C-alpha atoms as a PDB file:
ATOM      1  CA  UNK A   1       0.001   0.086   0.229  1.00  0.00           C
ATOM      2  CA  UNK A   2       1.044   3.334   0.027  1.00  0.00           C
ATOM      3  CA  UNK A   3       3.147   4.852   2.784  1.00  0.00           C
ATOM      4  CA  UNK A   4       0.958   4.376   5.902  1.00  0.00           C
ATOM      5  CA  UNK A   5       1.164   6.540   8.879  1.00  0.00           C
ATOM      6  CA  UNK A   6       3.521   6.088  11.939  1.00  0.00           C
ATOM      7  CA  UNK A   7       0.576   4.657  14.124  1.00  0.00           C
ATOM      8  CA  UNK A   8      -0.382   1.966  11.006  1.00  0.00           C
ATOM      9  CA  UNK A   9       3.346   0.693  10.663  1.00  0.00           C
ATOM     10  CA  UNK A  10       4.017   0.303  14.622  1.00  0.00           C
ATOM     11  CA  UNK A  11       0.744  -1.801  13.902  1.00  0.00           C
ATOM     12  CA  UNK A  12       2.307  -3.870  10.902  1.00  0.00           C
ATOM     13  CA  UNK A  13       5.185  -4.017  12.683  1.00  0.00           C
ATOM     14  CA  UNK A  14       3.827  -5.392  15.954  1.00  0.00           C
ATOM     15  CA  UNK A  15       1.240  -7.677  14.762  1.00  0.00           C
ATOM     16  CA  UNK A  16       4.741  -9.334  12.303  1.00  0.00           C
ATOM     17  CA  UNK A  17       6.889 -10.121  15.903  1.00  0.00           C
ATOM     18  CA  UNK A  18       3.826 -11.937  17.608  1.00  0.00           C
ATOM     19  CA  UNK A  19       2.880 -13.757  14.467  1.00  0.00           C
ATOM     20  CA  UNK A  20       6.803 -15.779  14.391  1.00  0.00           C
ATOM     21  CA  UNK A  21       6.302 -17.258  17.518  1.00  0.00           C
ATOM     22  CA  UNK A  22       2.483 -17.906  16.883  1.00  0.00           C
ATOM     23  CA  UNK A  23       3.521 -19.550  13.666  1.00  0.00           C
ATOM     24  CA  UNK A  24       6.285 -21.737  15.762  1.00  0.00           C
ATOM     25  CA  UNK A  25       3.539 -22.501  18.432  1.00  0.00           C
ATOM     26  CA  UNK A  26       1.021 -23.606  15.753  1.00  0.00           C
ATOM     27  CA  UNK A  27       3.718 -25.822  14.859  1.00  0.00           C
ATOM     28  CA  UNK A  28       4.101 -27.474  17.958  1.00  0.00           C
ATOM     29  CA  UNK A  29      -0.171 -27.635  18.626  1.00  0.00           C
ATOM     30  CA  UNK A  30      -0.028 -30.200  15.271  1.00  0.00           C
ATOM     31  CA  UNK A  31       2.098 -32.402  16.880  1.00  0.00           C
ATOM     32  CA  UNK A  32       0.362 -31.802  20.231  1.00  0.00           C
ATOM     33  CA  UNK A  33      -2.839 -33.456  18.917  1.00  0.00           C
ATOM     34  CA  UNK A  34      -1.408 -36.944  19.664  1.00  0.00           C
ATOM     35  CA  UNK A  35      -1.238 -36.110  22.578  1.00  0.00           C
ATOM     36  CA  UNK A  36      -3.094 -37.801  25.578  1.00  0.00           C
ATOM     37  CA  UNK A  37      -3.225 -34.267  27.153  1.00  0.00           C
ATOM     38  CA  UNK A  38      -3.960 -32.127  24.465  1.00  0.00           C
ATOM     39  CA  UNK A  39      -2.864 -29.204  23.432  1.00  0.00           C
ATOM     40  CA  UNK A  40      -5.341 -26.901  25.126  1.00  0.00           C
ATOM     41  CA  UNK A  41      -3.096 -25.494  28.211  1.00  0.00           C
ATOM     42  CA  UNK A  42      -0.373 -25.042  25.643  1.00  0.00           C
ATOM     43  CA  UNK A  43      -2.098 -23.281  23.280  1.00  0.00           C
ATOM     44  CA  UNK A  44      -4.086 -20.520  26.259  1.00  0.00           C
ATOM     45  CA  UNK A  45      -0.013 -19.705  27.052  1.00  0.00           C
ATOM     46  CA  UNK A  46       0.501 -19.487  23.546  1.00  0.00           C
ATOM     47  CA  UNK A  47      -2.462 -16.979  23.425  1.00  0.00           C
ATOM     48  CA  UNK A  48      -1.073 -15.073  26.418  1.00  0.00           C
ATOM     49  CA  UNK A  49       2.287 -15.013  25.086  1.00  0.00           C
ATOM     50  CA  UNK A  50       1.452 -13.295  21.657  1.00  0.00           C
ATOM     51  CA  UNK A  51      -0.795 -10.631  23.883  1.00  0.00           C
ATOM     52  CA  UNK A  52       2.188  -9.886  25.933  1.00  0.00           C
ATOM     53  CA  UNK A  53       4.536  -9.546  22.642  1.00  0.00           C
ATOM     54  CA  UNK A  54       1.840  -6.928  20.821  1.00  0.00           C
ATOM     55  CA  UNK A  55       0.904  -5.217  24.406  1.00  0.00           C
ATOM     56  CA  UNK A  56       4.846  -4.530  24.688  1.00  0.00           C
ATOM     57  CA  UNK A  57       5.560  -3.338  20.874  1.00  0.00           C
ATOM     58  CA  UNK A  58       2.070  -0.946  21.084  1.00  0.00           C
ATOM     59  CA  UNK A  59       2.170   0.771  24.509  1.00  0.00           C
ATOM     60  CA  UNK A  60       6.316   1.020  24.341  1.00  0.00           C
ATOM     61  CA  UNK A  61       5.651   2.934  20.584  1.00  0.00           C
ATOM     62  CA  UNK A  62       2.573   4.799  21.994  1.00  0.00           C
ATOM     63  CA  UNK A  63       2.770   4.509  25.988  1.00  0.00           C
ATOM     64  CA  UNK A  64      -0.042   7.646  26.557  1.00  0.00           C
ATOM     65  CA  UNK A  65      -3.073   5.502  24.651  1.00  0.00           C
ATOM     66  CA  UNK A  66      -5.126   2.674  25.967  1.00  0.00           C
ATOM     67  CA  UNK A  67      -5.649  -0.900  26.011  1.00  0.00           C
ATOM     68  CA  UNK A  68      -8.309  -3.183  25.257  1.00  0.00           C
ATOM     69  CA  UNK A  69      -7.173  -6.598  25.161  1.00  0.00           C
ATOM     70  CA  UNK A  70      -8.700 -10.379  25.366  1.00  0.00           C
ATOM     71  CA  UNK A  71      -6.355 -11.832  27.656  1.00  0.00           C
ATOM     72  CA  UNK A  72      -5.750  -8.788  30.027  1.00  0.00           C
ATOM     73  CA  UNK A  73      -7.047  -6.330  31.891  1.00  0.00           C
ATOM     74  CA  UNK A  74      -7.974  -2.750  30.105  1.00  0.00           C
ATOM     75  CA  UNK A  75      -6.026  -0.061  30.558  1.00  0.00           C
ATOM     76  CA  UNK A  76      -7.566   3.544  30.376  1.00  0.00           C
ATOM     77  CA  UNK A  77      -3.977   5.425  28.891  1.00  0.00           C
ATOM     78  CA  UNK A  78      -3.001   9.505  30.039  1.00  0.00           C
ATOM     79  CA  UNK A  79      -4.955  10.040  26.315  1.00  0.00           C
ATOM     80  CA  UNK A  80      -8.144   8.603  26.983  1.00  0.00           C
ATOM     81  CA  UNK A  81      -9.028   9.338  23.013  1.00  0.00           C
ATOM     82  CA  UNK A  82      -7.078   6.763  21.794  1.00  0.00           C
ATOM     83  CA  UNK A  83      -6.944   3.121  22.499  1.00  0.00           C
ATOM     84  CA  UNK A  84      -5.687  -0.105  21.179  1.00  0.00           C
ATOM     85  CA  UNK A  85      -8.015  -2.942  20.681  1.00  0.00           C
ATOM     86  CA  UNK A  86      -6.386  -6.193  20.584  1.00  0.00           C
ATOM     87  CA  UNK A  87      -7.073  -9.536  19.650  1.00  0.00           C
ATOM     88  CA  UNK A  88      -3.833 -11.468  20.031  1.00  0.00           C
ATOM     89  CA  UNK A  89      -5.220 -14.966  18.064  1.00  0.00           C
ATOM     90  CA  UNK A  90      -8.331 -14.820  16.573  1.00  0.00           C
ATOM     91  CA  UNK A  91      -9.938 -18.316  16.035  1.00  0.00           C
ATOM     92  CA  UNK A  92      -8.084 -20.308  18.904  1.00  0.00           C
ATOM     93  CA  UNK A  93     -10.089 -23.458  18.460  1.00  0.00           C
ATOM     94  CA  UNK A  94      -9.019 -23.264  15.103  1.00  0.00           C
ATOM     95  CA  UNK A  95      -5.555 -23.200  16.287  1.00  0.00           C
ATOM     96  CA  UNK A  96      -6.186 -25.412  18.869  1.00  0.00           C
ATOM     97  CA  UNK A  97      -7.353 -28.324  16.410  1.00  0.00           C
ATOM     98  CA  UNK A  98      -4.588 -27.656  13.635  1.00  0.00           C
ATOM     99  CA  UNK A  99      -6.718 -25.827  11.190  1.00  0.00           C
ATOM    100  CA  UNK A 100      -4.408 -23.153   9.926  1.00  0.00           C
ATOM    101  CA  UNK A 101      -7.326 -20.419   9.835  1.00  0.00           C
ATOM    102  CA  UNK A 102      -6.619 -17.597  12.551  1.00  0.00           C
ATOM    103  CA  UNK A 103      -5.395 -14.564  12.635  1.00  0.00           C
ATOM    104  CA  UNK A 104      -3.910 -11.294  14.671  1.00  0.00           C
ATOM    105  CA  UNK A 105      -6.146  -8.307  14.928  1.00  0.00           C
ATOM    106  CA  UNK A 106      -5.339  -4.855  16.294  1.00  0.00           C
ATOM    107  CA  UNK A 107      -7.335  -1.764  15.866  1.00  0.00           C
ATOM    108  CA  UNK A 108      -6.901   1.766  16.874  1.00  0.00           C
ATOM    109  CA  UNK A 109      -9.637   3.573  18.427  1.00  0.00           C
ATOM    110  CA  UNK A 110      -9.895   7.160  18.362  1.00  0.00           C
ATOM    111  CA  UNK A 111     -12.556   9.224  20.180  1.00  0.00           C
ATOM    112  CA  UNK A 112     -15.300   6.164  20.297  1.00  0.00           C
ATOM    113  CA  UNK A 113     -14.510   5.442  16.292  1.00  0.00           C
ATOM    114  CA  UNK A 114     -12.035   3.042  14.870  1.00  0.00           C
ATOM    115  CA  UNK A 115      -9.205   4.921  13.057  1.00  0.00           C
ATOM    116  CA  UNK A 116      -7.057   1.971  11.609  1.00  0.00           C
ATOM    117  CA  UNK A 117      -6.742  -1.703  11.316  1.00  0.00           C
ATOM    118  CA  UNK A 118      -4.760  -4.390  10.886  1.00  0.00           C
ATOM    119  CA  UNK A 119      -5.717  -8.053  10.748  1.00  0.00           C
ATOM    120  CA  UNK A 120      -2.601 -10.510   9.724  1.00  0.00           C
ATOM    121  CA  UNK A 121      -3.139 -13.937   8.382  1.00  0.00           C
ATOM    122  CA  UNK A 122       0.533 -15.502   8.972  1.00  0.00           C
ATOM    123  CA  UNK A 123      -0.356 -18.990   7.807  1.00  0.00           C
ATOM    124  CA  UNK A 124      -1.328 -17.338   4.410  1.00  0.00           C
ATOM    125  CA  UNK A 125       0.757 -14.689   4.906  1.00  0.00           C
ATOM    126  CA  UNK A 126      -2.256 -11.869   4.381  1.00  0.00           C
ATOM    127  CA  UNK A 127      -1.412  -8.879   5.659  1.00  0.00           C
ATOM    128  CA  UNK A 128      -4.889  -6.768   5.731  1.00  0.00           C
ATOM    129  CA  UNK A 129      -4.182  -3.058   6.627  1.00  0.00           C
ATOM    130  CA  UNK A 130      -6.979  -0.187   6.459  1.00  0.00           C
ATOM    131  CA  UNK A 131      -6.759   3.445   7.672  1.00  0.00           C
ATOM    132  CA  UNK A 132      -9.135   6.329   7.774  1.00  0.00           C
ATOM    133  CA  UNK A 133      -9.287   7.977   4.153  1.00  0.00           C
ATOM    134  CA  UNK A 134      -6.382   6.057   2.987  1.00  0.00           C
ATOM    135  CA  UNK A 135      -8.270   2.938   1.909  1.00  0.00           C
ATOM    136  CA  UNK A 136      -7.826  -0.872   2.554  1.00  0.00           C
ATOM    137  CA  UNK A 137      -5.252  -3.382   1.354  1.00  0.00           C
ATOM    138  CA  UNK A 138      -3.842  -6.518   1.237  1.00  0.00           C
ATOM    139  CA  UNK A 139      -0.254  -6.443   1.067  1.00  0.00           C
ATOM    140  CA  UNK A 140      -0.055  -4.485  -1.914  1.00  0.00           C
ATOM    141  CA  UNK A 141      -3.116  -4.748  -3.373  1.00  0.00           C
ATOM    142  CA  UNK A 142      -6.046  -2.239  -2.878  1.00  0.00           C
ATOM    143  CA  UNK A 143      -9.382  -3.758  -1.631  1.00  0.00           C
ATOM    144  CA  UNK A 144     -12.343  -3.325  -2.648  1.00  0.00           C
ATOM    145  CA  UNK A 145     -16.529  -4.898  -1.312  1.00  0.00           C
ATOM    146  CA  UNK A 146     -17.856  -7.383  -3.852  1.00  0.00           C
ATOM    147  CA  UNK A 147     -20.057  -5.966  -6.620  1.00  0.00           C
ATOM    148  CA  UNK A 148     -22.902  -8.493  -6.751  1.00  0.00           C
ATOM    149  CA  UNK A 149     -26.685  -7.331  -6.286  1.00  0.00           C
ATOM    150  CA  UNK A 150     -27.866 -10.635  -6.479  1.00  0.00           C
ATOM    151  CA  UNK A 151     -28.681 -12.405  -3.391  1.00  0.00           C
ATOM    152  CA  UNK A 152     -28.970 -15.789  -5.359  1.00  0.00           C
ATOM    153  CA  UNK A 153     -25.313 -15.189  -6.361  1.00  0.00           C
ATOM    154  CA  UNK A 154     -23.653 -14.355  -3.176  1.00  0.00           C
ATOM    155  CA  UNK A 155     -22.253 -16.160  -0.170  1.00  0.00           C
ATOM    156  CA  UNK A 156     -22.524 -14.684   3.470  1.00  0.00           C
ATOM    157  CA  UNK A 157     -20.001 -15.878   6.464  1.00  0.00           C
ATOM    158  CA  UNK A 158     -21.243 -15.785  10.190  1.00  0.00           C
ATOM    159  CA  UNK A 159     -20.300 -17.388  13.533  1.00  0.00           C
ATOM    160  CA  UNK A 160     -22.906 -19.940  15.015  1.00  0.00           C
ATOM    161  CA  UNK A 161     -22.794 -19.986  18.977  1.00  0.00           C
ATOM    162  CA  UNK A 162     -21.359 -22.365  20.306  1.00  0.00           C
ATOM    163  CA  UNK A 163     -22.098 -23.892  23.833  1.00  0.00           C
ATOM    164  CA  UNK A 164     -24.991 -22.548  25.888  1.00  0.00           C
ATOM    165  CA  UNK A 165     -24.935 -19.087  24.140  1.00  0.00           C
ATOM    166  CA  UNK A 166     -28.640 -17.394  24.120  1.00  0.00           C
ATOM    167  CA  UNK A 167     -28.390 -16.235  20.405  1.00  0.00           C
ATOM    168  CA  UNK A 168     -28.698 -19.976  18.848  1.00  0.00           C
ATOM    169  CA  UNK A 169     -32.099 -19.979  18.142  1.00  0.00           C
ATOM    170  CA  UNK A 170     -31.943 -16.218  16.172  1.00  0.00           C
ATOM    171  CA  UNK A 171     -29.063 -17.907  14.617  1.00  0.00           C
ATOM    172  CA  UNK A 172     -31.350 -20.815  12.951  1.00  0.00           C
ATOM    173  CA  UNK A 173     -34.245 -18.657  12.132  1.00  0.00           C
ATOM    174  CA  UNK A 174     -31.058 -16.281  10.322  1.00  0.00           C
ATOM    175  CA  UNK A 175     -29.884 -19.768   8.204  1.00  0.00           C
ATOM    176  CA  UNK A 176     -33.307 -20.583   7.600  1.00  0.00           C
ATOM    177  CA  UNK A 177     -33.909 -17.252   5.718  1.00  0.00           C
ATOM    178  CA  UNK A 178     -30.937 -17.039   4.047  1.00  0.00           C
ATOM    179  CA  UNK A 179     -29.577 -20.640   3.030  1.00  0.00           C
ATOM    180  CA  UNK A 180     -32.418 -21.144   0.251  1.00  0.00           C
ATOM    181  CA  UNK A 181     -31.952 -17.714  -0.904  1.00  0.00           C
ATOM    182  CA  UNK A 182     -28.162 -17.521  -1.704  1.00  0.00           C
ATOM    183  CA  UNK A 183     -25.391 -19.298  -3.198  1.00  0.00           C
ATOM    184  CA  UNK A 184     -23.640 -20.782   0.043  1.00  0.00           C
ATOM    185  CA  UNK A 185     -23.097 -19.645   3.928  1.00  0.00           C
ATOM    186  CA  UNK A 186     -19.315 -19.852   5.310  1.00  0.00           C
ATOM    187  CA  UNK A 187     -18.915 -20.350   9.066  1.00  0.00           C
ATOM    188  CA  UNK A 188     -15.014 -20.307   9.446  1.00  0.00           C
ATOM    189  CA  UNK A 189     -14.615 -19.666  13.137  1.00  0.00           C
ATOM    190  CA  UNK A 190     -12.359 -16.456  12.735  1.00  0.00           C
ATOM    191  CA  UNK A 191     -14.705 -12.998  12.909  1.00  0.00           C
ATOM    192  CA  UNK A 192     -11.837 -10.481  12.363  1.00  0.00           C
ATOM    193  CA  UNK A 193     -11.198 -12.711   9.193  1.00  0.00           C
ATOM    194  CA  UNK A 194     -14.997 -12.715   7.994  1.00  0.00           C
ATOM    195  CA  UNK A 195     -14.444  -9.136   8.202  1.00  0.00           C
ATOM    196  CA  UNK A 196     -11.592  -9.036   6.037  1.00  0.00           C
ATOM    197  CA  UNK A 197     -12.995 -11.444   3.661  1.00  0.00           C
ATOM    198  CA  UNK A 198     -15.993  -9.168   3.095  1.00  0.00           C
ATOM    199  CA  UNK A 199     -13.406  -6.241   2.586  1.00  0.00           C
ATOM    200  CA  UNK A 200     -11.721  -8.323   0.301  1.00  0.00           C
ATOM    201  CA  UNK A 201     -15.042  -9.315  -2.357  1.00  0.00           C
ATOM    202  CA  UNK A 202     -14.678 -12.997  -1.133  1.00  0.00           C
ATOM    203  CA  UNK A 203     -17.778 -12.939   0.598  1.00  0.00           C
ATOM    204  CA  UNK A 204     -20.866 -10.660   0.251  1.00  0.00           C
ATOM    205  CA  UNK A 205     -21.784 -10.332   3.637  1.00  0.00           C
ATOM    206  CA  UNK A 206     -21.143 -11.331   7.266  1.00  0.00           C
ATOM    207  CA  UNK A 207     -23.361 -11.041  10.507  1.00  0.00           C
ATOM    208  CA  UNK A 208     -22.501 -12.654  13.928  1.00  0.00           C
ATOM    209  CA  UNK A 209     -23.956 -11.538  17.606  1.00  0.00           C
ATOM    210  CA  UNK A 210     -22.437 -11.934  20.886  1.00  0.00           C
ATOM    211  CA  UNK A 211     -18.827 -10.660  20.181  1.00  0.00           C
ATOM    212  CA  UNK A 212     -16.122  -8.548  21.823  1.00  0.00           C
ATOM    213  CA  UNK A 213     -14.736  -5.193  20.446  1.00  0.00           C
ATOM    214  CA  UNK A 214     -11.266  -6.917  19.780  1.00  0.00           C
ATOM    215  CA  UNK A 215     -13.301  -9.355  17.804  1.00  0.00           C
ATOM    216  CA  UNK A 216     -14.288  -6.898  15.146  1.00  0.00           C
ATOM    217  CA  UNK A 217     -12.660  -3.601  15.570  1.00  0.00           C
ATOM    218  CA  UNK A 218      -9.562  -3.817  12.798  1.00  0.00           C
ATOM    219  CA  UNK A 219     -12.627  -5.760  10.663  1.00  0.00           C
ATOM    220  CA  UNK A 220     -15.250  -2.964  10.817  1.00  0.00           C
ATOM    221  CA  UNK A 221     -12.558  -0.002   9.052  1.00  0.00           C
ATOM    222  CA  UNK A 222     -11.469  -2.662   6.787  1.00  0.00           C
ATOM    223  CA  UNK A 223     -15.058  -3.362   5.430  1.00  0.00           C
ATOM    224  CA  UNK A 224     -15.737   0.771   5.563  1.00  0.00           C
ATOM    225  CA  UNK A 225     -12.622   1.525   3.480  1.00  0.00           C
ATOM    226  CA  UNK A 226     -13.162  -0.930   0.998  1.00  0.00           C
ATOM    227  CA  UNK A 227     -16.399   0.746   0.246  1.00  0.00           C
ATOM    228  CA  UNK A 228     -18.813  -1.671   2.181  1.00  0.00           C
ATOM    229  CA  UNK A 229     -20.983  -0.665   5.166  1.00  0.00           C
ATOM    230  CA  UNK A 230     -21.015  -1.907   8.594  1.00  0.00           C
ATOM    231  CA  UNK A 231     -23.942  -1.601  11.009  1.00  0.00           C
ATOM    232  CA  UNK A 232     -25.683  -3.188  14.096  1.00  0.00           C
ATOM    233  CA  UNK A 233     -28.305  -6.224  14.227  1.00  0.00           C
ATOM    234  CA  UNK A 234     -31.723  -4.616  15.453  1.00  0.00           C
ATOM    235  CA  UNK A 235     -34.086  -1.835  15.326  1.00  0.00           C
ATOM    236  CA  UNK A 236     -33.414   1.741  16.038  1.00  0.00           C
ATOM    237  CA  UNK A 237     -30.270   3.775  15.220  1.00  0.00           C
ATOM    238  CA  UNK A 238     -28.815   1.165  13.011  1.00  0.00           C
ATOM    239  CA  UNK A 239     -28.739  -1.134  15.763  1.00  0.00           C
ATOM    240  CA  UNK A 240     -26.294   0.601  17.598  1.00  0.00           C
ATOM    241  CA  UNK A 241     -22.507   0.620  17.689  1.00  0.00           C
ATOM    242  CA  UNK A 242     -21.228  -3.134  17.329  1.00  0.00           C
ATOM    243  CA  UNK A 243     -18.133  -2.220  19.368  1.00  0.00           C
ATOM    244  CA  UNK A 244     -20.431  -1.649  22.098  1.00  0.00           C
ATOM    245  CA  UNK A 245     -23.835  -4.374  21.281  1.00  0.00           C
ATOM    246  CA  UNK A 246     -21.215  -7.420  20.069  1.00  0.00           C
ATOM    247  CA  UNK A 247     -23.748  -7.436  17.248  1.00  0.00           C
ATOM    248  CA  UNK A 248     -22.936  -6.897  13.668  1.00  0.00           C
ATOM    249  CA  UNK A 249     -23.577  -6.531   9.633  1.00  0.00           C
ATOM    250  CA  UNK A 250     -20.711  -5.886   7.282  1.00  0.00           C
ATOM    251  CA  UNK A 251     -21.845  -6.086   3.589  1.00  0.00           C
ATOM    252  CA  UNK A 252     -21.414  -4.316   0.159  1.00  0.00           C
ATOM    253  CA  UNK A 253     -24.115  -1.616  -0.168  1.00  0.00           C
ATOM    254  CA  UNK A 254     -26.417  -3.368  -2.513  1.00  0.00           C
ATOM    255  CA  UNK A 255     -27.027  -5.972  -0.065  1.00  0.00           C
ATOM    256  CA  UNK A 256     -26.498  -4.262   3.498  1.00  0.00           C
ATOM    257  CA  UNK A 257     -29.489  -3.105   4.479  1.00  0.00           C
ATOM    258  CA  UNK A 258     -31.445  -6.309   2.764  1.00  0.00           C
ATOM    259  CA  UNK A 259     -29.312  -8.396   5.137  1.00  0.00           C
ATOM    260  CA  UNK A 260     -29.697  -6.360   8.144  1.00  0.00           C
ATOM    261  CA  UNK A 261     -33.435  -6.391   7.843  1.00  0.00           C
ATOM    262  CA  UNK A 262     -33.404 -10.571   7.713  1.00  0.00           C
ATOM    263  CA  UNK A 263     -30.940 -11.272  10.501  1.00  0.00           C
ATOM    264  CA  UNK A 264     -32.905  -8.039  12.736  1.00  0.00           C
ATOM    265  CA  UNK A 265     -35.890  -9.836  12.421  1.00  0.00           C
ATOM    266  CA  UNK A 266     -35.094 -12.321  14.587  1.00  0.00           C
END
């Protein structure tokens, strides 16, 4: 991409640094699949290690910024208007099972709005980056959301709740309405990459409930800077701010309103 800001370069370098150890750990996890104990404890340690690496790199470069990460307590910065929103390992279950689909996600928020984002998939060496007003990029290629208009030709992504999550019933209703109308649905297990794939035009839309800010912060600006729309699920004020509600709909402009309407009905 064109020369990014100092903050974006800091984010890219931090992601690459954390990725190097995670890739080594992922190789170890694949071997641990055959052990009786299993890789669970190992993966949680890898997750925490990656967050420490990211936190040290980002907070050393910008010590006044706040911090919101999956594996540690939130920190209020001396500059209350800016904070890092970080998921050191999005797609932990994939990682745990040796499935090569996971990513590092770093968002920078300013006055309640995400202004820069980095999502790095180190296994595929795909670095998705975006900055307010500077577009969205995959490595050196400019990204645009898909231009498809007919839902019958569209592929959507989502995350199906696991365990005892309260929104499973709503998801079944979503699937019942969307599966017959679309070309296909995907559930890949990493919300950050689902959003990055919408920005890249690989998916036409994505929706999910019960997410955390670090799952979606970087992805939101990627979709927006690639020409897509991002909003919440539900009625009134566009369903609210996804960073606060945890529910998000991201799609190309042709289908965003209709997709939001379908999933908000449940």
